[in-house]
């Protein structure tokens, strides 16, 4: 049995190849969020080489996530799990795969931005958004662990995910106002990449909230 408690609602079937693969995929997807935050924080503190290492690690994890997703979907076609469980698991891993894609796109944008000058006021909000996204992913992780164990806890955590996602939306609006403030001082191409970074990160938070909604449904089921 896995040492962590992921996917408890599949406890009786934990030893299946499908679920072992799914657990790895879920954990890797959540890890990408942490790596993005570490990269942005390191860069903001002047540790550019360290930031680059975190981004490269994120890219490797995202590639592995894609491979794991394909393996899970292939295993699901074999019918080792009841139909309802297969659909529940497919929905969850697809949500997290989309989240990891957005995080990867955020990291790609930030890797380019590290070679340019980012106004400190904007960079500080980038750090705040990244740290808040980690909180959002952590709450989502806890909700997954509570599935099949404590439905009320799942709902509470899903509500927390939604609340955290709302705070990221607020920072997103602040960033947009700063784009206007610094618009005349930043190269238009750089401004476009700054905008891409924020939008991809905001989309990752949106997927966290969507996953929270999915977890509510699973808990009720």
C-alpha atoms as a PDB file:
ATOM      1  CA  UNK A   1       0.000   0.000   0.000  1.00  0.00           C
ATOM      2  CA  UNK A   2       1.246   3.474  -0.793  1.00  0.00           C
ATOM      3  CA  UNK A   3       2.614   5.392   2.171  1.00  0.00           C
ATOM      4  CA  UNK A   4       0.513   8.460   1.456  1.00  0.00           C
ATOM      5  CA  UNK A   5      -3.277   8.396   1.642  1.00  0.00           C
ATOM      6  CA  UNK A   6      -4.179   9.683  -1.795  1.00  0.00           C
ATOM      7  CA  UNK A   7      -7.384   8.368  -3.367  1.00  0.00           C
ATOM      8  CA  UNK A   8      -8.770   6.825  -0.196  1.00  0.00           C
ATOM      9  CA  UNK A   9     -12.119   6.294  -1.813  1.00  0.00           C
ATOM     10  CA  UNK A  10     -10.367   3.598  -3.857  1.00  0.00           C
ATOM     11  CA  UNK A  11      -8.803   2.019  -0.763  1.00  0.00           C
ATOM     12  CA  UNK A  12      -9.943  -1.527  -1.500  1.00  0.00           C
ATOM     13  CA  UNK A  13      -8.432  -1.387  -4.984  1.00  0.00           C
ATOM     14  CA  UNK A  14      -5.259   0.538  -4.200  1.00  0.00           C
ATOM     15  CA  UNK A  15      -2.922  -2.191  -5.417  1.00  0.00           C
ATOM     16  CA  UNK A  16      -4.140  -1.959  -8.994  1.00  0.00           C
ATOM     17  CA  UNK A  17      -1.706  -0.695 -11.618  1.00  0.00           C
ATOM     18  CA  UNK A  18      -4.240   1.936 -12.664  1.00  0.00           C
ATOM     19  CA  UNK A  19      -4.392   3.574  -9.255  1.00  0.00           C
ATOM     20  CA  UNK A  20      -0.669   3.446  -8.633  1.00  0.00           C
ATOM     21  CA  UNK A  21      -0.149   5.319 -11.897  1.00  0.00           C
ATOM     22  CA  UNK A  22      -2.944   7.769 -11.082  1.00  0.00           C
ATOM     23  CA  UNK A  23      -1.462   8.563  -7.684  1.00  0.00           C
ATOM     24  CA  UNK A  24       1.887   9.378  -9.256  1.00  0.00           C
ATOM     25  CA  UNK A  25       0.208  11.579 -11.858  1.00  0.00           C
ATOM     26  CA  UNK A  26      -1.775  13.504  -9.243  1.00  0.00           C
ATOM     27  CA  UNK A  27       1.235  14.102  -7.007  1.00  0.00           C
ATOM     28  CA  UNK A  28       3.420  15.191  -9.929  1.00  0.00           C
ATOM     29  CA  UNK A  29       0.743  17.647 -11.080  1.00  0.00           C
ATOM     30  CA  UNK A  30       0.615  19.237  -7.643  1.00  0.00           C
ATOM     31  CA  UNK A  31       4.426  19.317  -7.450  1.00  0.00           C
ATOM     32  CA  UNK A  32       4.602  21.515 -10.559  1.00  0.00           C
ATOM     33  CA  UNK A  33       2.810  24.292  -8.684  1.00  0.00           C
ATOM     34  CA  UNK A  34       5.391  24.181  -5.897  1.00  0.00           C
ATOM     35  CA  UNK A  35       8.269  24.233  -8.392  1.00  0.00           C
ATOM     36  CA  UNK A  36       6.849  27.287 -10.139  1.00  0.00           C
ATOM     37  CA  UNK A  37       6.603  29.140  -6.832  1.00  0.00           C
ATOM     38  CA  UNK A  38      10.162  28.172  -5.881  1.00  0.00           C
ATOM     39  CA  UNK A  39      11.461  29.377  -9.245  1.00  0.00           C
ATOM     40  CA  UNK A  40       9.740  32.765  -8.982  1.00  0.00           C
ATOM     41  CA  UNK A  41      10.808  33.247  -5.370  1.00  0.00           C
ATOM     42  CA  UNK A  42      14.416  32.312  -6.148  1.00  0.00           C
ATOM     43  CA  UNK A  43      14.521  34.744  -9.071  1.00  0.00           C
ATOM     44  CA  UNK A  44      13.008  37.546  -6.989  1.00  0.00           C
ATOM     45  CA  UNK A  45      15.796  36.995  -4.430  1.00  0.00           C
ATOM     46  CA  UNK A  46      18.533  37.145  -7.050  1.00  0.00           C
ATOM     47  CA  UNK A  47      19.104  33.389  -7.331  1.00  0.00           C
ATOM     48  CA  UNK A  48      18.624  33.110 -11.068  1.00  0.00           C
ATOM     49  CA  UNK A  49      20.543  29.841 -11.584  1.00  0.00           C
ATOM     50  CA  UNK A  50      18.497  28.166  -8.877  1.00  0.00           C
ATOM     51  CA  UNK A  51      15.310  29.487 -10.459  1.00  0.00           C
ATOM     52  CA  UNK A  52      16.328  27.978 -13.794  1.00  0.00           C
ATOM     53  CA  UNK A  53      16.879  24.582 -12.143  1.00  0.00           C
ATOM     54  CA  UNK A  54      13.385  24.646 -10.656  1.00  0.00           C
ATOM     55  CA  UNK A  55      11.885  25.464 -14.043  1.00  0.00           C
ATOM     56  CA  UNK A  56      13.791  22.644 -15.747  1.00  0.00           C
ATOM     57  CA  UNK A  57      12.590  20.261 -13.025  1.00  0.00           C
ATOM     58  CA  UNK A  58       9.038  21.476 -13.633  1.00  0.00           C
ATOM     59  CA  UNK A  59       9.365  20.762 -17.358  1.00  0.00           C
ATOM     60  CA  UNK A  60      10.597  17.236 -16.638  1.00  0.00           C
ATOM     61  CA  UNK A  61       7.715  16.622 -14.239  1.00  0.00           C
ATOM     62  CA  UNK A  62       5.173  17.906 -16.745  1.00  0.00           C
ATOM     63  CA  UNK A  63       6.530  15.566 -19.433  1.00  0.00           C
ATOM     64  CA  UNK A  64       6.244  12.689 -16.980  1.00  0.00           C
ATOM     65  CA  UNK A  65       2.683  13.753 -16.153  1.00  0.00           C
ATOM     66  CA  UNK A  66       1.741  13.436 -19.817  1.00  0.00           C
ATOM     67  CA  UNK A  67       3.223   9.939 -19.944  1.00  0.00           C
ATOM     68  CA  UNK A  68       1.453   8.925 -16.739  1.00  0.00           C
ATOM     69  CA  UNK A  69      -1.857  10.309 -17.994  1.00  0.00           C
ATOM     70  CA  UNK A  70      -1.616   8.257 -21.174  1.00  0.00           C
ATOM     71  CA  UNK A  71      -0.739   5.162 -19.149  1.00  0.00           C
ATOM     72  CA  UNK A  72      -3.664   5.709 -16.770  1.00  0.00           C
ATOM     73  CA  UNK A  73      -6.135   6.201 -19.611  1.00  0.00           C
ATOM     74  CA  UNK A  74      -4.828   3.050 -21.277  1.00  0.00           C
ATOM     75  CA  UNK A  75      -5.233   1.081 -18.051  1.00  0.00           C
ATOM     76  CA  UNK A  76      -8.751   2.442 -17.604  1.00  0.00           C
ATOM     77  CA  UNK A  77      -9.793   0.894 -20.910  1.00  0.00           C
ATOM     78  CA  UNK A  78      -8.989  -2.552 -19.513  1.00  0.00           C
ATOM     79  CA  UNK A  79     -11.987  -2.402 -17.186  1.00  0.00           C
ATOM     80  CA  UNK A  80     -10.177  -3.369 -13.977  1.00  0.00           C
ATOM     81  CA  UNK A  81     -12.320  -0.855 -12.076  1.00  0.00           C
ATOM     82  CA  UNK A  82     -16.137  -0.492 -12.028  1.00  0.00           C
ATOM     83  CA  UNK A  83     -17.463   2.039 -14.593  1.00  0.00           C
ATOM     84  CA  UNK A  84     -18.306   4.698 -11.994  1.00  0.00           C
ATOM     85  CA  UNK A  85     -14.814   4.586 -10.498  1.00  0.00           C
ATOM     86  CA  UNK A  86     -13.247   4.736 -13.943  1.00  0.00           C
ATOM     87  CA  UNK A  87     -15.204   7.871 -14.832  1.00  0.00           C
ATOM     88  CA  UNK A  88     -14.508   9.512 -11.471  1.00  0.00           C
ATOM     89  CA  UNK A  89     -10.794   8.853 -11.771  1.00  0.00           C
ATOM     90  CA  UNK A  90     -10.661   9.918 -15.424  1.00  0.00           C
ATOM     91  CA  UNK A  91     -12.328  13.222 -14.591  1.00  0.00           C
ATOM     92  CA  UNK A  92      -9.924  13.921 -11.743  1.00  0.00           C
ATOM     93  CA  UNK A  93      -6.724  13.184 -13.643  1.00  0.00           C
ATOM     94  CA  UNK A  94      -7.900  15.176 -16.655  1.00  0.00           C
ATOM     95  CA  UNK A  95      -8.555  18.217 -14.456  1.00  0.00           C
ATOM     96  CA  UNK A  96      -5.096  17.969 -12.928  1.00  0.00           C
ATOM     97  CA  UNK A  97      -3.467  17.395 -16.298  1.00  0.00           C
ATOM     98  CA  UNK A  98      -4.958  20.664 -17.567  1.00  0.00           C
ATOM     99  CA  UNK A  99      -3.739  22.450 -14.438  1.00  0.00           C
ATOM    100  CA  UNK A 100      -0.196  21.149 -14.989  1.00  0.00           C
ATOM    101  CA  UNK A 101      -0.343  22.317 -18.614  1.00  0.00           C
ATOM    102  CA  UNK A 102      -1.174  25.855 -17.507  1.00  0.00           C
ATOM    103  CA  UNK A 103       1.589  25.784 -14.889  1.00  0.00           C
ATOM    104  CA  UNK A 104       4.043  24.646 -17.580  1.00  0.00           C
ATOM    105  CA  UNK A 105       2.947  27.512 -19.836  1.00  0.00           C
ATOM    106  CA  UNK A 106       3.419  29.926 -16.917  1.00  0.00           C
ATOM    107  CA  UNK A 107       6.922  28.576 -16.396  1.00  0.00           C
ATOM    108  CA  UNK A 108       7.754  28.958 -20.090  1.00  0.00           C
ATOM    109  CA  UNK A 109       6.712  32.597 -19.966  1.00  0.00           C
ATOM    110  CA  UNK A 110       8.659  33.221 -16.774  1.00  0.00           C
ATOM    111  CA  UNK A 111      11.790  31.585 -18.191  1.00  0.00           C
ATOM    112  CA  UNK A 112      11.744  34.171 -20.982  1.00  0.00           C
ATOM    113  CA  UNK A 113      11.020  36.990 -18.542  1.00  0.00           C
ATOM    114  CA  UNK A 114      14.070  36.092 -16.453  1.00  0.00           C
ATOM    115  CA  UNK A 115      16.191  37.391 -19.329  1.00  0.00           C
ATOM    116  CA  UNK A 116      14.439  40.770 -19.243  1.00  0.00           C
ATOM    117  CA  UNK A 117      13.881  43.401 -16.618  1.00  0.00           C
ATOM    118  CA  UNK A 118      10.712  42.913 -14.573  1.00  0.00           C
ATOM    119  CA  UNK A 119       9.649  45.931 -12.487  1.00  0.00           C
ATOM    120  CA  UNK A 120       9.938  45.004  -8.807  1.00  0.00           C
ATOM    121  CA  UNK A 121       6.349  46.028  -8.102  1.00  0.00           C
ATOM    122  CA  UNK A 122       5.129  43.519 -10.698  1.00  0.00           C
ATOM    123  CA  UNK A 123       7.591  40.814  -9.624  1.00  0.00           C
ATOM    124  CA  UNK A 124       6.435  41.122  -6.006  1.00  0.00           C
ATOM    125  CA  UNK A 125       2.860  40.375  -7.067  1.00  0.00           C
ATOM    126  CA  UNK A 126       4.099  37.455  -9.173  1.00  0.00           C
ATOM    127  CA  UNK A 127       5.625  36.002  -5.998  1.00  0.00           C
ATOM    128  CA  UNK A 128       2.401  36.558  -4.080  1.00  0.00           C
ATOM    129  CA  UNK A 129       0.277  34.920  -6.791  1.00  0.00           C
ATOM    130  CA  UNK A 130       2.617  31.914  -6.985  1.00  0.00           C
ATOM    131  CA  UNK A 131       2.542  31.404  -3.218  1.00  0.00           C
ATOM    132  CA  UNK A 132      -1.227  31.698  -3.174  1.00  0.00           C
ATOM    133  CA  UNK A 133      -1.462  29.140  -5.973  1.00  0.00           C
ATOM    134  CA  UNK A 134       0.563  26.746  -3.796  1.00  0.00           C
ATOM    135  CA  UNK A 135      -1.994  27.242  -1.013  1.00  0.00           C
ATOM    136  CA  UNK A 136      -4.775  26.540  -3.509  1.00  0.00           C
ATOM    137  CA  UNK A 137      -3.121  23.309  -4.695  1.00  0.00           C
ATOM    138  CA  UNK A 138      -2.442  22.228  -1.113  1.00  0.00           C
ATOM    139  CA  UNK A 139      -6.108  22.626  -0.182  1.00  0.00           C
ATOM    140  CA  UNK A 140      -7.073  20.667  -3.293  1.00  0.00           C
ATOM    141  CA  UNK A 141      -4.627  17.914  -2.303  1.00  0.00           C
ATOM    142  CA  UNK A 142      -6.150  17.715   1.180  1.00  0.00           C
ATOM    143  CA  UNK A 143      -9.629  17.494  -0.355  1.00  0.00           C
ATOM    144  CA  UNK A 144      -8.532  14.547  -2.496  1.00  0.00           C
ATOM    145  CA  UNK A 145      -7.174  12.786   0.581  1.00  0.00           C
ATOM    146  CA  UNK A 146     -10.475  13.329   2.412  1.00  0.00           C
ATOM    147  CA  UNK A 147     -12.538  11.665  -0.332  1.00  0.00           C
ATOM    148  CA  UNK A 148     -14.422   8.647   0.960  1.00  0.00           C
ATOM    149  CA  UNK A 149     -13.298   9.448   4.483  1.00  0.00           C
ATOM    150  CA  UNK A 150     -14.948  12.744   5.426  1.00  0.00           C
ATOM    151  CA  UNK A 151     -17.383  14.209   2.843  1.00  0.00           C
ATOM    152  CA  UNK A 152     -17.978  17.329   4.928  1.00  0.00           C
ATOM    153  CA  UNK A 153     -14.249  17.933   5.069  1.00  0.00           C
ATOM    154  CA  UNK A 154     -14.088  17.616   1.282  1.00  0.00           C
ATOM    155  CA  UNK A 155     -16.747  20.303   0.965  1.00  0.00           C
ATOM    156  CA  UNK A 156     -14.947  22.596   3.420  1.00  0.00           C
ATOM    157  CA  UNK A 157     -11.672  22.211   1.560  1.00  0.00           C
ATOM    158  CA  UNK A 158     -13.346  22.692  -1.821  1.00  0.00           C
ATOM    159  CA  UNK A 159     -14.832  25.927  -0.476  1.00  0.00           C
ATOM    160  CA  UNK A 160     -11.344  26.952   0.651  1.00  0.00           C
ATOM    161  CA  UNK A 161      -9.969  26.247  -2.816  1.00  0.00           C
ATOM    162  CA  UNK A 162     -12.640  28.506  -4.295  1.00  0.00           C
ATOM    163  CA  UNK A 163     -11.878  31.250  -1.765  1.00  0.00           C
ATOM    164  CA  UNK A 164      -8.146  31.118  -2.481  1.00  0.00           C
ATOM    165  CA  UNK A 165      -8.821  31.187  -6.213  1.00  0.00           C
ATOM    166  CA  UNK A 166     -10.846  34.355  -5.634  1.00  0.00           C
ATOM    167  CA  UNK A 167      -7.870  36.037  -3.967  1.00  0.00           C
ATOM    168  CA  UNK A 168      -5.723  35.174  -6.991  1.00  0.00           C
ATOM    169  CA  UNK A 169      -8.326  36.877  -9.190  1.00  0.00           C
ATOM    170  CA  UNK A 170      -7.907  40.018  -7.075  1.00  0.00           C
ATOM    171  CA  UNK A 171      -4.130  39.990  -7.569  1.00  0.00           C
ATOM    172  CA  UNK A 172      -4.706  39.414 -11.286  1.00  0.00           C
ATOM    173  CA  UNK A 173      -6.656  42.692 -11.438  1.00  0.00           C
ATOM    174  CA  UNK A 174      -3.851  44.509  -9.586  1.00  0.00           C
ATOM    175  CA  UNK A 175      -1.343  43.222 -12.106  1.00  0.00           C
ATOM    176  CA  UNK A 176      -3.456  44.469 -15.014  1.00  0.00           C
ATOM    177  CA  UNK A 177      -3.489  47.950 -13.519  1.00  0.00           C
ATOM    178  CA  UNK A 178       0.303  47.794 -13.169  1.00  0.00           C
ATOM    179  CA  UNK A 179       0.593  46.875 -16.844  1.00  0.00           C
ATOM    180  CA  UNK A 180      -1.044  50.216 -17.595  1.00  0.00           C
ATOM    181  CA  UNK A 181       1.246  51.999 -15.136  1.00  0.00           C
ATOM    182  CA  UNK A 182       4.412  50.537 -16.649  1.00  0.00           C
ATOM    183  CA  UNK A 183       3.139  50.178 -20.202  1.00  0.00           C
ATOM    184  CA  UNK A 184       5.194  53.085 -21.500  1.00  0.00           C
ATOM    185  CA  UNK A 185       8.382  51.822 -19.846  1.00  0.00           C
ATOM    186  CA  UNK A 186       8.263  48.170 -20.929  1.00  0.00           C
ATOM    187  CA  UNK A 187       8.983  46.755 -24.367  1.00  0.00           C
ATOM    188  CA  UNK A 188       5.594  45.733 -25.880  1.00  0.00           C
ATOM    189  CA  UNK A 189       6.864  42.181 -26.534  1.00  0.00           C
ATOM    190  CA  UNK A 190       7.900  41.854 -22.880  1.00  0.00           C
ATOM    191  CA  UNK A 191       4.551  43.259 -21.780  1.00  0.00           C
ATOM    192  CA  UNK A 192       2.811  40.593 -23.857  1.00  0.00           C
ATOM    193  CA  UNK A 193       4.820  37.823 -22.161  1.00  0.00           C
ATOM    194  CA  UNK A 194       4.101  39.325 -18.746  1.00  0.00           C
ATOM    195  CA  UNK A 195       0.420  39.194 -19.629  1.00  0.00           C
ATOM    196  CA  UNK A 196       0.750  35.575 -20.805  1.00  0.00           C
ATOM    197  CA  UNK A 197       2.388  34.560 -17.539  1.00  0.00           C
ATOM    198  CA  UNK A 198      -0.364  36.077 -15.427  1.00  0.00           C
ATOM    199  CA  UNK A 199      -3.143  34.621 -17.563  1.00  0.00           C
ATOM    200  CA  UNK A 200      -1.702  31.099 -17.556  1.00  0.00           C
ATOM    201  CA  UNK A 201      -1.236  31.262 -13.791  1.00  0.00           C
ATOM    202  CA  UNK A 202      -4.778  32.537 -13.320  1.00  0.00           C
ATOM    203  CA  UNK A 203      -6.070  29.694 -15.501  1.00  0.00           C
ATOM    204  CA  UNK A 204      -4.224  27.177 -13.325  1.00  0.00           C
ATOM    205  CA  UNK A 205      -6.040  28.625 -10.318  1.00  0.00           C
ATOM    206  CA  UNK A 206      -9.345  28.383 -12.204  1.00  0.00           C
ATOM    207  CA  UNK A 207      -8.701  24.679 -12.826  1.00  0.00           C
ATOM    208  CA  UNK A 208      -8.009  24.216  -9.110  1.00  0.00           C
ATOM    209  CA  UNK A 209     -11.450  25.674  -8.433  1.00  0.00           C
ATOM    210  CA  UNK A 210     -13.014  23.449 -11.119  1.00  0.00           C
ATOM    211  CA  UNK A 211     -11.324  20.431  -9.539  1.00  0.00           C
ATOM    212  CA  UNK A 212     -12.776  21.469  -6.188  1.00  0.00           C
ATOM    213  CA  UNK A 213     -16.240  21.405  -7.754  1.00  0.00           C
ATOM    214  CA  UNK A 214     -15.496  17.940  -9.160  1.00  0.00           C
ATOM    215  CA  UNK A 215     -14.407  16.752  -5.710  1.00  0.00           C
ATOM    216  CA  UNK A 216     -17.657  18.015  -4.195  1.00  0.00           C
ATOM    217  CA  UNK A 217     -19.561  15.837  -6.639  1.00  0.00           C
ATOM    218  CA  UNK A 218     -17.396  12.826  -5.837  1.00  0.00           C
ATOM    219  CA  UNK A 219     -17.883  13.369  -2.101  1.00  0.00           C
ATOM    220  CA  UNK A 220     -21.647  13.558  -2.494  1.00  0.00           C
ATOM    221  CA  UNK A 221     -21.562  10.442  -4.656  1.00  0.00           C
END
